């Protein structure tokens, strides 16, 4: 059966026959030949505001990651109170920057035209809040403080040294000449209580919470990570070092010794409220003598500071 014929494309000895291309179609450029490289597309100019927004987003994500690491460490410590607390190394490159000027009392305590900002603290004389006495001395270095000590009728008697814990207070100027009033009332209460707006606010309870507030009046500013670590050390000092079991106290001392092996103070290289509360807790629990080497060195550094002098005299 005959088939259709196809014209041969190879001639004698394998030569390729020339092919007659049709002329009725449009021609296309040869894609297999050497062609000059195409010019690179011009880069679009990036908006500076967009670059700033991206940089800010990266910084926020970095901060969030650091804060997450700190919270994870705190969560581990809460679930296992005897675990060594070792998250202080994450702030070695993020030190706080304290302010050099006085804090704005009107901004923190509210604007009260011409009136003295008055802080009133109720405390039980059977367990005096030593950290508040140290903070009182620090506030006296920063502001003109009108100090007073009173005894509530719920208390039968108060030792003489507690009645004079602020020293000999003599009112030499009119009340309106002072910036801050600091009144300590020895009263039969379970926990220390503080008010700075007697008529409108609920009391702040607990030595650690009051210490945080008083230290904030000194005008210190910290990053979120540093503030978290300071708060954790304050809680650790109150709930584990001061009120915890012997096992918990031993774990806290080991954690403090490890932290103080890296920095001069518990958080960074400057005194914070964490150092004040922890030092006072060690004095109240009688654990100072059994403290490790780094903790002993740190305690001597605290005692060399003038604000701790009043507490040292009170303990003698």
Protein backbone atom coordinates (compact mmCIF):
# COMPACT_ATOMS: atom_id res chain seq x y z
CA UNK A 1 0.00 0.00 0.00
CA UNK A 2 1.61 3.29 -1.06
CA UNK A 3 2.48 5.84 1.68
CA UNK A 4 2.85 9.58 1.42
CA UNK A 5 6.31 10.77 0.52
CA UNK A 6 8.52 13.04 2.61
CA UNK A 7 11.23 15.04 1.05
CA UNK A 8 14.67 13.96 2.38
CA UNK A 9 16.57 16.40 4.64
CA UNK A 10 19.94 14.65 4.31
CA UNK A 11 21.91 14.42 1.12
CA UNK A 12 24.90 12.35 0.15
CA UNK A 13 27.42 11.62 2.88
CA UNK A 14 25.16 13.03 5.56
CA UNK A 15 25.07 16.58 4.22
CA UNK A 16 22.07 18.56 5.45
CA UNK A 17 19.97 19.90 2.64
CA UNK A 18 19.07 23.58 2.70
CA UNK A 19 15.54 24.15 3.77
CA UNK A 20 13.46 26.72 2.08
CA UNK A 21 11.67 28.64 4.78
CA UNK A 22 8.24 29.96 3.98
CA UNK A 23 7.87 33.66 3.40
CA UNK A 24 4.26 33.94 4.40
CA UNK A 25 5.02 33.90 8.20
CA UNK A 26 6.66 36.56 10.37
CA UNK A 27 10.18 35.92 11.54
CA UNK A 28 11.30 35.53 15.15
CA UNK A 29 14.74 36.35 16.52
CA UNK A 30 17.09 33.45 17.15
CA UNK A 31 16.98 32.62 20.86
CA UNK A 32 19.98 30.27 20.69
CA UNK A 33 22.48 32.75 19.41
CA UNK A 34 24.64 35.08 21.47
CA UNK A 35 22.57 38.07 22.43
CA UNK A 36 23.72 41.10 24.45
CA UNK A 37 22.67 40.90 28.12
CA UNK A 38 19.55 42.74 28.98
CA UNK A 39 19.96 45.92 30.93
CA UNK A 40 19.25 45.58 34.68
CA UNK A 41 15.96 47.15 35.69
CA UNK A 42 16.31 50.41 37.49
CA UNK A 43 15.93 50.05 41.26
CA UNK A 44 13.02 51.88 42.74
CA UNK A 45 13.84 54.39 45.46
CA UNK A 46 12.78 53.15 48.91
CA UNK A 47 10.74 55.52 51.03
CA UNK A 48 12.79 56.55 54.14
CA UNK A 49 9.68 56.38 56.32
CA UNK A 50 9.20 52.75 55.24
CA UNK A 51 12.81 51.94 56.16
CA UNK A 52 12.33 53.57 59.56
CA UNK A 53 9.15 51.55 60.11
CA UNK A 54 10.94 48.30 59.25
CA UNK A 55 13.82 49.14 61.61
CA UNK A 56 11.35 49.91 64.39
CA UNK A 57 9.53 46.63 63.80
CA UNK A 58 12.79 44.69 64.00
CA UNK A 59 13.69 46.44 67.27
CA UNK A 60 10.26 45.68 68.76
CA UNK A 61 10.54 42.01 67.77
CA UNK A 62 14.00 41.85 69.36
CA UNK A 63 12.67 43.36 72.59
CA UNK A 64 9.74 40.97 72.63
CA UNK A 65 12.05 38.01 72.20
CA UNK A 66 14.24 39.18 75.10
CA UNK A 67 11.19 39.75 77.29
CA UNK A 68 9.86 36.30 76.40
CA UNK A 69 13.17 34.76 77.46
CA UNK A 70 13.01 36.58 80.80
CA UNK A 71 9.41 35.53 81.41
CA UNK A 72 10.24 31.92 80.56
CA UNK A 73 13.00 32.00 83.16
CA UNK A 74 10.66 33.47 85.77
CA UNK A 75 8.02 30.86 84.98
CA UNK A 76 10.59 28.11 85.57
CA UNK A 77 11.53 29.63 88.91
CA UNK A 78 7.88 29.89 90.00
CA UNK A 79 7.13 26.25 89.17
CA UNK A 80 10.37 25.06 90.79
CA UNK A 81 11.20 27.45 93.65
CA UNK A 82 14.48 25.69 94.40
CA UNK A 83 15.81 26.11 90.85
CA UNK A 84 18.74 28.42 90.31
CA UNK A 85 17.64 31.75 88.89
CA UNK A 86 19.97 32.44 85.99
CA UNK A 87 18.42 34.89 83.55
CA UNK A 88 20.44 37.94 84.55
CA UNK A 89 22.87 37.39 81.71
CA UNK A 90 20.34 38.56 79.14
CA UNK A 91 20.65 42.18 80.25
CA UNK A 92 24.41 42.48 80.04
CA UNK A 93 24.04 44.45 76.81
CA UNK A 94 20.91 46.32 77.92
CA UNK A 95 21.86 48.32 80.97
CA UNK A 96 19.48 50.87 82.39
CA UNK A 97 20.10 54.61 82.10
CA UNK A 98 19.19 56.46 85.30
CA UNK A 99 18.04 60.04 85.08
CA UNK A 100 20.30 62.68 86.54
CA UNK A 101 17.54 65.18 87.28
CA UNK A 102 14.89 65.11 89.95
CA UNK A 103 11.72 63.21 89.23
CA UNK A 104 8.55 65.22 88.64
CA UNK A 105 6.47 64.64 91.77
CA UNK A 106 3.47 66.39 90.23
CA UNK A 107 3.57 63.94 87.33
CA UNK A 108 3.84 60.84 89.57
CA UNK A 109 1.73 61.87 92.55
CA UNK A 110 -0.71 64.20 90.85
CA UNK A 111 -0.94 67.98 90.71
CA UNK A 112 -2.10 69.43 94.02
CA UNK A 113 -1.78 73.19 93.90
CA UNK A 114 0.52 74.43 96.64
CA UNK A 115 0.02 71.35 98.82
CA UNK A 116 2.71 69.06 100.15
CA UNK A 117 2.90 65.60 98.57
CA UNK A 118 2.29 63.47 101.65
CA UNK A 119 3.05 59.74 101.88
CA UNK A 120 1.62 57.87 104.87
CA UNK A 121 2.81 54.34 105.72
CA UNK A 122 1.34 51.99 108.33
CA UNK A 123 3.74 49.30 109.56
CA UNK A 124 3.86 46.77 112.37
CA UNK A 125 6.68 47.43 114.88
CA UNK A 126 7.10 43.69 115.46
CA UNK A 127 8.47 43.36 111.91
CA UNK A 128 9.71 46.78 110.80
CA UNK A 129 10.07 47.23 107.00
CA UNK A 130 13.78 47.99 106.86
CA UNK A 131 13.84 48.64 103.13
CA UNK A 132 11.48 51.59 103.57
CA UNK A 133 13.94 53.20 105.99
CA UNK A 134 16.73 52.92 103.40
CA UNK A 135 14.47 54.42 100.74
CA UNK A 136 13.52 57.24 103.10
CA UNK A 137 17.20 58.16 103.34
CA UNK A 138 17.54 58.09 99.54
CA UNK A 139 14.50 60.36 99.17
CA UNK A 140 15.98 62.79 101.70
CA UNK A 141 19.06 63.05 99.47
CA UNK A 142 16.89 63.96 96.48
CA UNK A 143 14.06 66.07 97.97
CA UNK A 144 13.24 68.26 100.95
CA UNK A 145 11.35 65.70 103.04
CA UNK A 146 9.22 66.44 106.09
CA UNK A 147 9.50 63.21 108.13
CA UNK A 148 7.39 62.13 111.10
CA UNK A 149 6.88 58.98 113.18
CA UNK A 150 3.64 58.30 115.11
CA UNK A 151 2.16 55.45 117.14
CA UNK A 152 -1.38 54.16 116.56
CA UNK A 153 -3.66 53.30 119.46
CA UNK A 154 -3.70 49.64 118.33
CA UNK A 155 -0.07 49.31 119.48
CA UNK A 156 0.68 49.19 123.20
CA UNK A 157 4.34 50.15 123.08
CA UNK A 158 7.05 50.82 120.49
CA UNK A 159 10.81 50.53 121.13
CA UNK A 160 12.60 53.84 121.39
CA UNK A 161 14.85 53.12 118.42
CA UNK A 162 11.81 52.67 116.16
CA UNK A 163 10.31 55.95 117.35
CA UNK A 164 13.56 57.64 116.29
CA UNK A 165 14.18 55.59 113.15
CA UNK A 166 14.26 58.81 111.10
CA UNK A 167 16.62 60.49 113.52
CA UNK A 168 15.82 63.62 115.44
CA UNK A 169 13.21 65.33 113.27
CA UNK A 170 12.89 69.04 113.91
CA UNK A 171 10.49 71.10 111.86
CA UNK A 172 12.57 74.16 111.09
CA UNK A 173 10.57 75.44 108.12
CA UNK A 174 6.87 75.90 107.32
CA UNK A 175 5.15 72.82 105.93
CA UNK A 176 4.69 74.36 102.48
CA UNK A 177 8.47 74.74 102.11
CA UNK A 178 8.95 70.96 101.84
CA UNK A 179 8.55 68.91 98.67
CA UNK A 180 7.51 65.59 100.17
CA UNK A 181 5.95 64.44 103.42
CA UNK A 182 6.93 61.01 104.77
CA UNK A 183 4.87 59.85 107.75
CA UNK A 184 5.42 56.43 109.34
CA UNK A 185 2.72 55.17 111.71
CA UNK A 186 3.47 52.12 113.86
CA UNK A 187 0.19 50.21 113.75
CA UNK A 188 -1.08 46.67 114.27
CA UNK A 189 -1.33 45.61 110.61
CA UNK A 190 -0.52 42.32 108.88
CA UNK A 191 1.41 43.97 106.05
CA UNK A 192 2.81 47.45 105.54
CA UNK A 193 0.29 49.79 103.92
CA UNK A 194 0.90 53.03 102.07
CA UNK A 195 -1.23 55.89 100.77
CA UNK A 196 -0.15 59.11 99.08
CA UNK A 197 -3.67 60.38 98.42
CA UNK A 198 -5.51 59.74 101.66
CA UNK A 199 -8.96 60.63 100.41
CA UNK A 200 -9.12 58.90 97.02
CA UNK A 201 -6.82 55.90 96.73
CA UNK A 202 -6.80 52.35 98.02
CA UNK A 203 -3.72 51.45 100.07
CA UNK A 204 -0.71 49.83 98.48
CA UNK A 205 0.09 46.73 100.54
CA UNK A 206 3.29 44.78 100.99
CA UNK A 207 6.84 45.90 101.63
CA UNK A 208 7.98 44.99 98.11
CA UNK A 209 5.21 46.97 96.39
CA UNK A 210 5.78 50.03 98.57
CA UNK A 211 9.53 49.81 97.97
CA UNK A 212 8.99 49.76 94.19
CA UNK A 213 6.82 52.87 94.40
CA UNK A 214 9.21 54.82 96.64
CA UNK A 215 12.21 53.93 94.46
CA UNK A 216 10.32 55.17 91.37
CA UNK A 217 10.20 58.63 92.98
CA UNK A 218 13.98 58.82 92.53
CA UNK A 219 13.41 59.16 88.78
CA UNK A 220 15.10 55.97 87.52
CA UNK A 221 14.18 54.73 84.05
CA UNK A 222 14.64 51.11 82.95
CA UNK A 223 13.93 48.98 79.90
CA UNK A 224 11.16 46.40 80.01
CA UNK A 225 13.63 43.53 80.44
CA UNK A 226 15.54 45.24 83.25
CA UNK A 227 12.32 46.19 85.05
CA UNK A 228 11.14 42.58 84.85
CA UNK A 229 14.36 41.32 86.42
CA UNK A 230 14.23 43.93 89.18
CA UNK A 231 10.65 42.97 90.01
CA UNK A 232 11.56 39.28 90.05
CA UNK A 233 14.41 39.87 92.53
CA UNK A 234 12.14 41.95 94.77
CA UNK A 235 9.51 39.18 94.82
CA UNK A 236 12.19 36.55 95.37
CA UNK A 237 13.57 38.49 98.35
CA UNK A 238 10.14 38.92 99.94
CA UNK A 239 8.47 35.57 99.25
CA UNK A 240 11.43 33.18 99.25
CA UNK A 241 14.34 34.77 101.06
CA UNK A 242 12.25 36.39 103.79
CA UNK A 243 9.21 34.12 104.05
CA UNK A 244 10.34 30.89 102.36
CA UNK A 245 11.68 27.61 103.67
CA UNK A 246 15.34 26.89 104.34
CA UNK A 247 15.56 25.11 100.99
CA UNK A 248 14.18 28.13 99.18
CA UNK A 249 16.52 30.49 101.04
CA UNK A 250 19.49 28.36 100.06
CA UNK A 251 18.41 28.40 96.41
CA UNK A 252 18.04 32.18 96.45
CA UNK A 253 21.50 32.64 97.98
CA UNK A 254 23.00 30.47 95.24
CA UNK A 255 21.20 32.51 92.59
CA UNK A 256 22.37 35.76 94.14
CA UNK A 257 25.95 34.48 94.32
CA UNK A 258 25.85 33.55 90.62
CA UNK A 259 24.37 36.91 89.59
CA UNK A 260 26.83 38.89 91.72
CA UNK A 261 29.69 37.00 90.12
CA UNK A 262 28.84 38.75 86.83
CA UNK A 263 27.86 42.26 87.97
CA UNK A 264 28.46 44.47 91.00
CA UNK A 265 24.76 44.61 91.87
CA UNK A 266 21.88 42.20 91.41
CA UNK A 267 20.67 43.88 88.22
CA UNK A 268 23.37 45.68 86.27
CA UNK A 269 26.13 47.87 87.62
CA UNK A 270 24.14 50.31 89.77
CA UNK A 271 22.08 50.05 92.94
CA UNK A 272 18.38 49.26 92.41
CA UNK A 273 15.43 48.57 94.66
CA UNK A 274 16.21 44.86 94.25
CA UNK A 275 19.47 45.32 96.17
CA UNK A 276 17.77 47.29 98.92
CA UNK A 277 14.97 44.78 99.50
CA UNK A 278 17.28 41.75 99.26
CA UNK A 279 19.84 43.23 101.69
CA UNK A 280 17.13 44.07 104.22
CA UNK A 281 15.60 40.60 103.87
CA UNK A 282 18.97 39.02 104.66
CA UNK A 283 19.27 41.18 107.76
CA UNK A 284 15.77 40.31 108.97
CA UNK A 285 16.13 36.55 108.45
CA UNK A 286 19.61 36.29 109.95
CA UNK A 287 20.97 34.64 106.78
CA UNK A 288 23.76 37.15 106.29
CA UNK A 289 26.37 35.07 108.12
CA UNK A 290 25.80 32.00 105.91
CA UNK A 291 25.92 33.93 102.62
CA UNK A 292 28.42 32.90 99.88
CA UNK A 293 31.50 34.94 99.04
CA UNK A 294 30.00 37.13 96.30
CA UNK A 295 26.97 37.89 98.45
CA UNK A 296 29.21 38.84 101.39
CA UNK A 297 31.15 41.24 99.19
CA UNK A 298 27.91 42.75 97.88
CA UNK A 299 26.55 43.20 101.42
CA UNK A 300 29.66 45.15 102.43
CA UNK A 301 29.22 47.34 99.35
CA UNK A 302 25.65 48.09 100.46
CA UNK A 303 26.74 48.87 104.01
CA UNK A 304 29.32 51.35 102.73
CA UNK A 305 26.50 53.49 101.31
CA UNK A 306 25.12 56.22 103.57
CA UNK A 307 21.38 55.33 103.20
CA UNK A 308 21.98 51.94 104.86
CA UNK A 309 23.51 53.55 107.95
CA UNK A 310 20.18 54.18 109.67
CA UNK A 311 19.20 50.51 109.33
CA UNK A 312 22.58 49.31 110.60
CA UNK A 313 22.18 51.48 113.70
CA UNK A 314 18.65 50.17 114.18
CA UNK A 315 19.85 46.55 114.07
CA UNK A 316 22.51 47.04 116.75
